[in-house]
Amino acid sequence: MSVAAAVLVGVIAVLHLYFLVLEMFLWTTPRGRKTFGTSVAEAETTKVLAANQGLYNGFLAAGLVWSLVAGSAEVRFQFQVFFLLCVIAAGLYGAATVSKRILVVQAVPAAVALALVLLAH
């Protein structure tokens, strides 16, 4: 169970690195606009906000990566629980305010990972 939990935590970290790239560097590109459903004008107007949002996703990814490599098993567990709860909270807020799709893409995978982490502990 602990291997499955660690793999899923790693997948979620990579997913948030992808969000960082999309929001910080690809926001105004056709791919970024298609992903987030924005027009050229909307993307240009909101690109600074999106970059800030991408940076926060990078912090989540960094915390999740740290949770996989931190010194003791107890510290890794604590980091995983904290950062997965942060991802779940962000996903729930995004689903409530932006798109229900965020629930499936962000919150549900983090909730599954959290369940695996708790079961493995």
C-alpha atoms as a PDB file:
ATOM      1  CA  MET A   1       0.000   0.000   0.000  1.00  0.00           C
ATOM      2  CA  SER A   2       2.817   2.418   0.804  1.00  0.00           C
ATOM      3  CA  VAL A   3       4.304   2.010  -2.693  1.00  0.00           C
ATOM      4  CA  ALA A   4       0.936   2.769  -4.291  1.00  0.00           C
ATOM      5  CA  ALA A   5       0.544   5.812  -2.035  1.00  0.00           C
ATOM      6  CA  ALA A   6       4.008   7.102  -2.900  1.00  0.00           C
ATOM      7  CA  VAL A   7       3.444   6.583  -6.623  1.00  0.00           C
ATOM      8  CA  LEU A   8       0.145   8.457  -6.525  1.00  0.00           C
ATOM      9  CA  VAL A   9       1.682  11.300  -4.486  1.00  0.00           C
ATOM     10  CA  GLY A  10       4.397  11.495  -7.163  1.00  0.00           C
ATOM     11  CA  VAL A  11       1.812  11.555  -9.946  1.00  0.00           C
ATOM     12  CA  ILE A  12      -0.037  14.395  -8.231  1.00  0.00           C
ATOM     13  CA  ALA A  13       3.242  16.307  -7.842  1.00  0.00           C
ATOM     14  CA  VAL A  14       3.927  15.919 -11.578  1.00  0.00           C
ATOM     15  CA  LEU A  15       0.355  16.992 -12.342  1.00  0.00           C
ATOM     16  CA  HIS A  16       0.889  20.191 -10.356  1.00  0.00           C
ATOM     17  CA  LEU A  17       4.164  20.839 -12.158  1.00  0.00           C
ATOM     18  CA  TYR A  18       2.148  20.554 -15.369  1.00  0.00           C
ATOM     19  CA  PHE A  19      -0.367  23.063 -13.984  1.00  0.00           C
ATOM     20  CA  LEU A  20       2.569  25.389 -13.235  1.00  0.00           C
ATOM     21  CA  VAL A  21       3.755  25.165 -16.842  1.00  0.00           C
ATOM     22  CA  LEU A  22       0.256  25.665 -18.245  1.00  0.00           C
ATOM     23  CA  GLU A  23      -0.505  28.659 -16.058  1.00  0.00           C
ATOM     24  CA  MET A  24       2.885  30.360 -16.026  1.00  0.00           C
ATOM     25  CA  PHE A  25       4.164  29.718 -19.542  1.00  0.00           C
ATOM     26  CA  LEU A  26       1.359  28.450 -21.782  1.00  0.00           C
ATOM     27  CA  TRP A  27      -1.572  30.555 -20.561  1.00  0.00           C
ATOM     28  CA  THR A  28      -1.808  32.715 -23.694  1.00  0.00           C
ATOM     29  CA  THR A  29      -0.959  29.945 -26.178  1.00  0.00           C
ATOM     30  CA  PRO A  30      -3.657  28.040 -28.066  1.00  0.00           C
ATOM     31  CA  ARG A  31      -3.108  25.036 -25.762  1.00  0.00           C
ATOM     32  CA  GLY A  32      -3.472  27.142 -22.613  1.00  0.00           C
ATOM     33  CA  ARG A  33      -6.528  28.969 -23.924  1.00  0.00           C
ATOM     34  CA  LYS A  34      -8.169  25.689 -24.953  1.00  0.00           C
ATOM     35  CA  THR A  35      -7.421  24.057 -21.595  1.00  0.00           C
ATOM     36  CA  PHE A  36      -8.933  26.931 -19.630  1.00  0.00           C
ATOM     37  CA  GLY A  37     -11.566  28.021 -22.151  1.00  0.00           C
ATOM     38  CA  THR A  38     -10.346  31.592 -22.510  1.00  0.00           C
ATOM     39  CA  SER A  39     -10.293  33.934 -25.464  1.00  0.00           C
ATOM     40  CA  VAL A  40      -7.124  35.666 -26.614  1.00  0.00           C
ATOM     41  CA  ALA A  41      -8.243  38.862 -24.874  1.00  0.00           C
ATOM     42  CA  GLU A  42      -9.152  37.082 -21.626  1.00  0.00           C
ATOM     43  CA  ALA A  43      -5.852  35.213 -21.588  1.00  0.00           C
ATOM     44  CA  GLU A  44      -3.855  38.410 -22.111  1.00  0.00           C
ATOM     45  CA  THR A  45      -5.807  40.258 -19.429  1.00  0.00           C
ATOM     46  CA  THR A  46      -5.418  37.481 -16.854  1.00  0.00           C
ATOM     47  CA  LYS A  47      -1.916  36.196 -17.614  1.00  0.00           C
ATOM     48  CA  VAL A  48      -0.331  37.767 -14.504  1.00  0.00           C
ATOM     49  CA  LEU A  49      -3.018  36.236 -12.288  1.00  0.00           C
ATOM     50  CA  ALA A  50      -2.559  32.871 -13.985  1.00  0.00           C
ATOM     51  CA  ALA A  51       1.202  33.018 -13.486  1.00  0.00           C
ATOM     52  CA  ASN A  52       0.655  33.659  -9.779  1.00  0.00           C
ATOM     53  CA  GLN A  53      -1.727  30.714  -9.644  1.00  0.00           C
ATOM     54  CA  GLY A  54       0.858  28.575 -11.439  1.00  0.00           C
ATOM     55  CA  LEU A  55       3.484  29.529  -8.900  1.00  0.00           C
ATOM     56  CA  TYR A  56       1.233  28.281  -6.100  1.00  0.00           C
ATOM     57  CA  ASN A  57       0.780  25.003  -7.960  1.00  0.00           C
ATOM     58  CA  GLY A  58       4.551  24.801  -8.083  1.00  0.00           C
ATOM     59  CA  PHE A  59       4.678  25.183  -4.301  1.00  0.00           C
ATOM     60  CA  LEU A  60       2.203  22.323  -3.956  1.00  0.00           C
ATOM     61  CA  ALA A  61       4.342  20.182  -6.267  1.00  0.00           C
ATOM     62  CA  ALA A  62       7.489  21.045  -4.306  1.00  0.00           C
ATOM     63  CA  GLY A  63       5.814  20.104  -1.021  1.00  0.00           C
ATOM     64  CA  LEU A  64       4.628  16.807  -2.443  1.00  0.00           C
ATOM     65  CA  VAL A  65       8.084  15.999  -3.793  1.00  0.00           C
ATOM     66  CA  TRP A  66       9.598  16.904  -0.421  1.00  0.00           C
ATOM     67  CA  SER A  67       7.072  14.580   1.212  1.00  0.00           C
ATOM     68  CA  LEU A  68       8.551  11.714  -0.798  1.00  0.00           C
ATOM     69  CA  VAL A  69      12.194  12.364   0.075  1.00  0.00           C
ATOM     70  CA  ALA A  70      12.141  13.885   3.582  1.00  0.00           C
ATOM     71  CA  GLY A  71      14.279  12.224   6.231  1.00  0.00           C
ATOM     72  CA  SER A  72      12.005  10.175   8.466  1.00  0.00           C
ATOM     73  CA  ALA A  73       8.878   8.236   7.660  1.00  0.00           C
ATOM     74  CA  GLU A  74       6.903  10.326  10.146  1.00  0.00           C
ATOM     75  CA  VAL A  75       7.983  13.608   8.529  1.00  0.00           C
ATOM     76  CA  ARG A  76       7.136  12.221   5.078  1.00  0.00           C
ATOM     77  CA  PHE A  77       3.707  11.187   6.359  1.00  0.00           C
ATOM     78  CA  GLN A  78       3.039  14.614   7.881  1.00  0.00           C
ATOM     79  CA  PHE A  79       4.091  16.425   4.709  1.00  0.00           C
ATOM     80  CA  GLN A  80       1.992  14.132   2.536  1.00  0.00           C
ATOM     81  CA  VAL A  81      -1.112  14.648   4.656  1.00  0.00           C
ATOM     82  CA  PHE A  82      -0.636  18.423   4.789  1.00  0.00           C
ATOM     83  CA  PHE A  83       0.061  18.952   1.094  1.00  0.00           C
ATOM     84  CA  LEU A  84      -2.621  16.519  -0.073  1.00  0.00           C
ATOM     85  CA  LEU A  85      -5.140  18.359   2.120  1.00  0.00           C
ATOM     86  CA  CYS A  86      -3.979  21.614   0.495  1.00  0.00           C
ATOM     87  CA  VAL A  87      -4.507  20.108  -2.966  1.00  0.00           C
ATOM     88  CA  ILE A  88      -7.959  18.840  -1.965  1.00  0.00           C
ATOM     89  CA  ALA A  89      -8.920  22.268  -0.586  1.00  0.00           C
ATOM     90  CA  ALA A  90      -7.712  23.990  -3.761  1.00  0.00           C
ATOM     91  CA  GLY A  91      -9.580  21.462  -5.902  1.00  0.00           C
ATOM     92  CA  LEU A  92     -12.811  21.880  -3.963  1.00  0.00           C
ATOM     93  CA  TYR A  93     -12.579  25.659  -4.155  1.00  0.00           C
ATOM     94  CA  GLY A  94     -11.786  25.530  -7.869  1.00  0.00           C
ATOM     95  CA  ALA A  95     -14.694  23.168  -8.496  1.00  0.00           C
ATOM     96  CA  ALA A  96     -17.059  25.444  -6.599  1.00  0.00           C
ATOM     97  CA  THR A  97     -15.902  28.667  -8.237  1.00  0.00           C
ATOM     98  CA  VAL A  98     -14.475  27.847 -11.670  1.00  0.00           C
ATOM     99  CA  SER A  99     -15.316  24.419 -13.095  1.00  0.00           C
ATOM    100  CA  LYS A 100     -16.639  21.122 -11.767  1.00  0.00           C
ATOM    101  CA  ARG A 101     -13.922  19.453 -13.862  1.00  0.00           C
ATOM    102  CA  ILE A 102     -11.347  20.611 -11.291  1.00  0.00           C
ATOM    103  CA  LEU A 103     -12.948  18.262  -8.781  1.00  0.00           C
ATOM    104  CA  VAL A 104     -12.122  15.268 -10.984  1.00  0.00           C
ATOM    105  CA  VAL A 105      -8.695  16.465 -12.116  1.00  0.00           C
ATOM    106  CA  GLN A 106      -7.380  17.775  -8.802  1.00  0.00           C
ATOM    107  CA  ALA A 107      -9.430  16.994  -5.689  1.00  0.00           C
ATOM    108  CA  VAL A 108     -10.436  13.378  -6.303  1.00  0.00           C
ATOM    109  CA  PRO A 109      -6.926  12.084  -7.140  1.00  0.00           C
ATOM    110  CA  ALA A 110      -5.552  13.873  -4.062  1.00  0.00           C
ATOM    111  CA  ALA A 111      -8.325  12.378  -1.898  1.00  0.00           C
ATOM    112  CA  VAL A 112      -7.499   8.898  -3.194  1.00  0.00           C
ATOM    113  CA  ALA A 113      -3.811   9.502  -2.508  1.00  0.00           C
ATOM    114  CA  LEU A 114      -4.626  10.761   0.975  1.00  0.00           C
ATOM    115  CA  ALA A 115      -6.672   7.627   1.665  1.00  0.00           C
ATOM    116  CA  LEU A 116      -3.767   5.451   0.524  1.00  0.00           C
ATOM    117  CA  VAL A 117      -1.294   7.434   2.623  1.00  0.00           C
ATOM    118  CA  LEU A 118      -3.503   7.074   5.707  1.00  0.00           C
ATOM    119  CA  LEU A 119      -4.035   3.359   5.089  1.00  0.00           C
ATOM    120  CA  ALA A 120      -0.305   2.819   4.636  1.00  0.00           C
ATOM    121  CA  HIS A 121       0.489   4.649   7.867  1.00  0.00           C
END
